[in-house]
Amino acid sequence: MLDVAAIGQIIREERKELGLRQDGLAAASGVGLRFLVELERGKPTVQMGKVLNVLAALGCELQIKRPDGIEIAGRAVAPKKDEAE
């Protein structure tokens, strides 16, 4: 399970892999430099909308899976045929 610190570390690694500086990624994401610095450090109170903007600027996406492993990232999951609605 990812936590804020792990997400921040992933963002830092992807930024560096792409050869971006923090100020460049902040500008491309529409967030402030201070926000990006705090995000990469794992600050637990970051704003989710801004995190998603940073991920999008890196070309990344966030996937969400149910405990049974079914991916539901941003879309509704149709009930299984044998499940009552």
N, C-alpha and C. Protein backbone atom coordinates (compact mmCIF):
# COMPACT_ATOMS: atom_id res chain seq x y z
N MET A 1 0.85 -1.18 0.00
CA MET A 1 0.00 0.00 0.00
C MET A 1 0.90 1.24 0.00
N LEU A 2 0.59 2.16 -0.87
CA LEU A 2 1.35 3.40 -0.95
C LEU A 2 0.92 4.37 0.14
N ASP A 3 1.87 5.14 0.63
CA ASP A 3 1.56 6.24 1.52
C ASP A 3 2.09 7.52 0.87
N VAL A 4 1.87 8.65 1.52
CA VAL A 4 2.27 9.92 0.93
C VAL A 4 3.78 9.98 0.70
N ALA A 5 4.55 9.44 1.62
CA ALA A 5 6.01 9.45 1.45
C ALA A 5 6.44 8.64 0.23
N ALA A 6 5.80 7.50 0.01
CA ALA A 6 6.14 6.67 -1.15
C ALA A 6 5.74 7.36 -2.45
N ILE A 7 4.60 8.01 -2.47
CA ILE A 7 4.17 8.74 -3.67
C ILE A 7 5.14 9.88 -3.94
N GLY A 8 5.54 10.59 -2.90
CA GLY A 8 6.52 11.67 -3.07
C GLY A 8 7.83 11.17 -3.64
N GLN A 9 8.28 10.03 -3.15
CA GLN A 9 9.53 9.44 -3.64
C GLN A 9 9.41 9.04 -5.11
N ILE A 10 8.27 8.47 -5.48
CA ILE A 10 8.04 8.09 -6.88
C ILE A 10 8.06 9.33 -7.77
N ILE A 11 7.40 10.38 -7.32
CA ILE A 11 7.37 11.62 -8.10
C ILE A 11 8.78 12.18 -8.26
N ARG A 12 9.56 12.19 -7.19
CA ARG A 12 10.94 12.68 -7.26
C ARG A 12 11.75 11.87 -8.27
N GLU A 13 11.64 10.54 -8.19
CA GLU A 13 12.40 9.67 -9.09
C GLU A 13 11.99 9.88 -10.55
N GLU A 14 10.69 10.00 -10.81
CA GLU A 14 10.22 10.21 -12.18
C GLU A 14 10.68 11.57 -12.70
N ARG A 15 10.62 12.59 -11.86
CA ARG A 15 11.08 13.92 -12.25
C ARG A 15 12.54 13.89 -12.66
N LYS A 16 13.35 13.26 -11.83
CA LYS A 16 14.78 13.17 -12.13
C LYS A 16 15.03 12.34 -13.39
N GLU A 17 14.29 11.26 -13.54
CA GLU A 17 14.43 10.41 -14.74
C GLU A 17 14.16 11.22 -16.01
N LEU A 18 13.21 12.13 -15.92
CA LEU A 18 12.86 12.97 -17.07
C LEU A 18 13.77 14.19 -17.21
N GLY A 19 14.71 14.34 -16.28
CA GLY A 19 15.64 15.45 -16.33
C GLY A 19 15.01 16.80 -16.00
N LEU A 20 13.96 16.77 -15.20
CA LEU A 20 13.27 18.00 -14.83
C LEU A 20 13.76 18.52 -13.49
N ARG A 21 13.82 19.83 -13.37
CA ARG A 21 14.07 20.46 -12.08
C ARG A 21 12.74 20.64 -11.37
N GLN A 22 12.80 20.83 -10.08
CA GLN A 22 11.55 21.01 -9.32
C GLN A 22 10.77 22.22 -9.81
N ASP A 23 11.45 23.31 -10.09
CA ASP A 23 10.73 24.51 -10.54
C ASP A 23 10.06 24.29 -11.89
N GLY A 24 10.69 23.53 -12.76
CA GLY A 24 10.11 23.24 -14.07
C GLY A 24 8.88 22.36 -13.97
N LEU A 25 8.95 21.33 -13.12
CA LEU A 25 7.79 20.46 -12.94
C LEU A 25 6.66 21.21 -12.25
N ALA A 26 7.00 22.05 -11.28
CA ALA A 26 5.97 22.84 -10.60
C ALA A 26 5.23 23.71 -11.61
N ALA A 27 5.97 24.39 -12.48
CA ALA A 27 5.35 25.25 -13.48
C ALA A 27 4.50 24.45 -14.46
N ALA A 28 5.01 23.31 -14.92
CA ALA A 28 4.26 22.48 -15.85
C ALA A 28 2.99 21.90 -15.23
N SER A 29 3.00 21.75 -13.91
CA SER A 29 1.87 21.17 -13.19
C SER A 29 0.86 22.21 -12.72
N GLY A 30 1.27 23.47 -12.75
CA GLY A 30 0.39 24.52 -12.25
C GLY A 30 0.35 24.57 -10.72
N VAL A 31 1.41 24.11 -10.08
CA VAL A 31 1.50 24.16 -8.62
C VAL A 31 2.71 25.00 -8.25
N GLY A 32 2.76 25.41 -7.01
CA GLY A 32 3.90 26.19 -6.54
C GLY A 32 5.10 25.31 -6.25
N LEU A 33 6.28 25.92 -6.29
CA LEU A 33 7.51 25.19 -6.00
C LEU A 33 7.47 24.62 -4.58
N ARG A 34 7.01 25.41 -3.63
CA ARG A 34 6.94 24.94 -2.24
C ARG A 34 6.07 23.69 -2.13
N PHE A 35 4.93 23.69 -2.84
CA PHE A 35 4.06 22.51 -2.81
C PHE A 35 4.81 21.28 -3.30
N LEU A 36 5.51 21.40 -4.42
CA LEU A 36 6.22 20.26 -4.99
C LEU A 36 7.32 19.77 -4.05
N VAL A 37 8.05 20.69 -3.45
CA VAL A 37 9.10 20.31 -2.50
C VAL A 37 8.48 19.52 -1.34
N GLU A 38 7.38 20.01 -0.81
CA GLU A 38 6.72 19.33 0.30
C GLU A 38 6.15 17.97 -0.12
N LEU A 39 5.62 17.90 -1.33
CA LEU A 39 5.10 16.63 -1.85
C LEU A 39 6.22 15.60 -1.95
N GLU A 40 7.34 15.98 -2.52
CA GLU A 40 8.46 15.05 -2.66
C GLU A 40 9.02 14.63 -1.30
N ARG A 41 8.86 15.45 -0.30
CA ARG A 41 9.32 15.11 1.06
C ARG A 41 8.31 14.27 1.82
N GLY A 42 7.11 14.07 1.23
CA GLY A 42 6.12 13.21 1.87
C GLY A 42 5.21 13.89 2.86
N LYS A 43 5.01 15.20 2.73
CA LYS A 43 4.13 15.91 3.64
C LYS A 43 2.74 15.28 3.59
N PRO A 44 2.18 14.87 4.73
CA PRO A 44 0.93 14.13 4.73
C PRO A 44 -0.33 14.94 4.46
N THR A 45 -0.22 16.27 4.37
CA THR A 45 -1.43 17.07 4.17
C THR A 45 -1.50 17.71 2.79
N VAL A 46 -0.86 17.13 1.80
CA VAL A 46 -0.90 17.70 0.46
C VAL A 46 -2.31 17.59 -0.13
N GLN A 47 -2.62 18.47 -1.07
CA GLN A 47 -3.92 18.48 -1.72
C GLN A 47 -3.95 17.48 -2.87
N MET A 48 -4.92 16.58 -2.85
CA MET A 48 -4.99 15.50 -3.84
C MET A 48 -5.08 16.03 -5.27
N GLY A 49 -5.85 17.08 -5.49
CA GLY A 49 -5.98 17.62 -6.85
C GLY A 49 -4.65 18.06 -7.41
N LYS A 50 -3.84 18.68 -6.57
CA LYS A 50 -2.52 19.12 -7.02
C LYS A 50 -1.60 17.94 -7.26
N VAL A 51 -1.71 16.91 -6.42
CA VAL A 51 -0.90 15.69 -6.63
C VAL A 51 -1.23 15.10 -7.99
N LEU A 52 -2.51 15.03 -8.33
CA LEU A 52 -2.92 14.48 -9.62
C LEU A 52 -2.40 15.33 -10.77
N ASN A 53 -2.35 16.66 -10.60
CA ASN A 53 -1.79 17.53 -11.64
C ASN A 53 -0.31 17.24 -11.85
N VAL A 54 0.42 17.04 -10.76
CA VAL A 54 1.85 16.73 -10.87
C VAL A 54 2.04 15.39 -11.58
N LEU A 55 1.27 14.39 -11.19
CA LEU A 55 1.38 13.07 -11.84
C LEU A 55 1.08 13.18 -13.33
N ALA A 56 0.05 13.94 -13.70
CA ALA A 56 -0.30 14.11 -15.11
C ALA A 56 0.82 14.80 -15.88
N ALA A 57 1.44 15.80 -15.26
CA ALA A 57 2.55 16.51 -15.92
C ALA A 57 3.74 15.58 -16.16
N LEU A 58 3.88 14.56 -15.31
CA LEU A 58 4.94 13.57 -15.49
C LEU A 58 4.56 12.48 -16.48
N GLY A 59 3.30 12.49 -16.91
CA GLY A 59 2.82 11.44 -17.81
C GLY A 59 2.43 10.18 -17.07
N CYS A 60 2.21 10.29 -15.76
CA CYS A 60 1.84 9.15 -14.93
C CYS A 60 0.35 9.17 -14.65
N GLU A 61 -0.18 8.06 -14.22
CA GLU A 61 -1.56 7.99 -13.80
C GLU A 61 -1.65 7.24 -12.50
N LEU A 62 -2.70 7.49 -11.77
CA LEU A 62 -2.93 6.83 -10.50
C LEU A 62 -3.98 5.77 -10.70
N GLN A 63 -3.69 4.54 -10.31
CA GLN A 63 -4.66 3.46 -10.45
C GLN A 63 -5.14 3.04 -9.07
N ILE A 64 -6.41 2.74 -9.00
CA ILE A 64 -7.01 2.30 -7.75
C ILE A 64 -7.57 0.90 -7.97
N LYS A 65 -7.24 0.01 -7.04
CA LYS A 65 -7.72 -1.37 -7.13
C LYS A 65 -8.53 -1.71 -5.89
N ARG A 66 -9.58 -2.48 -6.10
CA ARG A 66 -10.34 -3.01 -4.98
C ARG A 66 -9.51 -4.11 -4.32
N PRO A 67 -9.88 -4.51 -3.11
CA PRO A 67 -9.13 -5.58 -2.44
C PRO A 67 -9.07 -6.89 -3.24
N ASP A 68 -10.07 -7.12 -4.11
CA ASP A 68 -10.06 -8.34 -4.92
C ASP A 68 -9.19 -8.21 -6.17
N GLY A 69 -8.52 -7.06 -6.32
CA GLY A 69 -7.59 -6.88 -7.43
C GLY A 69 -8.18 -6.24 -8.67
N ILE A 70 -9.47 -5.99 -8.69
CA ILE A 70 -10.10 -5.38 -9.85
C ILE A 70 -9.76 -3.89 -9.87
N GLU A 71 -9.24 -3.43 -11.01
CA GLU A 71 -8.89 -2.02 -11.14
C GLU A 71 -10.15 -1.20 -11.36
N ILE A 72 -10.27 -0.09 -10.63
CA ILE A 72 -11.44 0.76 -10.77
C ILE A 72 -11.07 2.21 -11.06
N ALA A 73 -9.84 2.46 -11.39
CA ALA A 73 -9.27 3.80 -11.54
C ALA A 73 -10.19 4.76 -12.30
N GLY A 74 -10.92 5.57 -11.55
CA GLY A 74 -11.70 6.64 -12.14
C GLY A 74 -12.89 6.23 -12.97
N ARG A 75 -13.33 5.04 -12.87
CA ARG A 75 -14.50 4.62 -13.64
C ARG A 75 -15.38 3.72 -12.79
N ALA A 76 -16.62 3.69 -13.14
CA ALA A 76 -17.55 2.84 -12.41
C ALA A 76 -17.33 1.39 -12.81
N VAL A 77 -17.49 0.51 -11.88
CA VAL A 77 -17.35 -0.91 -12.16
C VAL A 77 -18.76 -1.51 -12.25
N ALA A 78 -19.05 -2.11 -13.38
CA ALA A 78 -20.36 -2.73 -13.54
C ALA A 78 -20.46 -3.94 -12.62
N PRO A 79 -21.61 -4.16 -12.01
CA PRO A 79 -21.75 -5.33 -11.15
C PRO A 79 -21.62 -6.61 -11.95
N LYS A 80 -21.10 -7.64 -11.32
CA LYS A 80 -21.00 -8.94 -11.99
C LYS A 80 -22.40 -9.46 -12.26
N LYS A 81 -22.54 -10.27 -13.32
CA LYS A 81 -23.85 -10.76 -13.71
C LYS A 81 -24.57 -11.51 -12.60
N ASP A 82 -23.80 -12.21 -11.75
CA ASP A 82 -24.42 -13.01 -10.71
C ASP A 82 -24.66 -12.22 -9.42
N GLU A 83 -24.33 -10.91 -9.40
CA GLU A 83 -24.53 -10.09 -8.23
C GLU A 83 -25.83 -9.29 -8.38
N ALA A 84 -26.57 -9.19 -7.30
CA ALA A 84 -27.79 -8.38 -7.32
C ALA A 84 -27.40 -6.91 -7.24
N GLU A 85 -28.19 -6.06 -7.89
CA GLU A 85 -27.90 -4.61 -7.86
C GLU A 85 -28.57 -3.98 -6.69
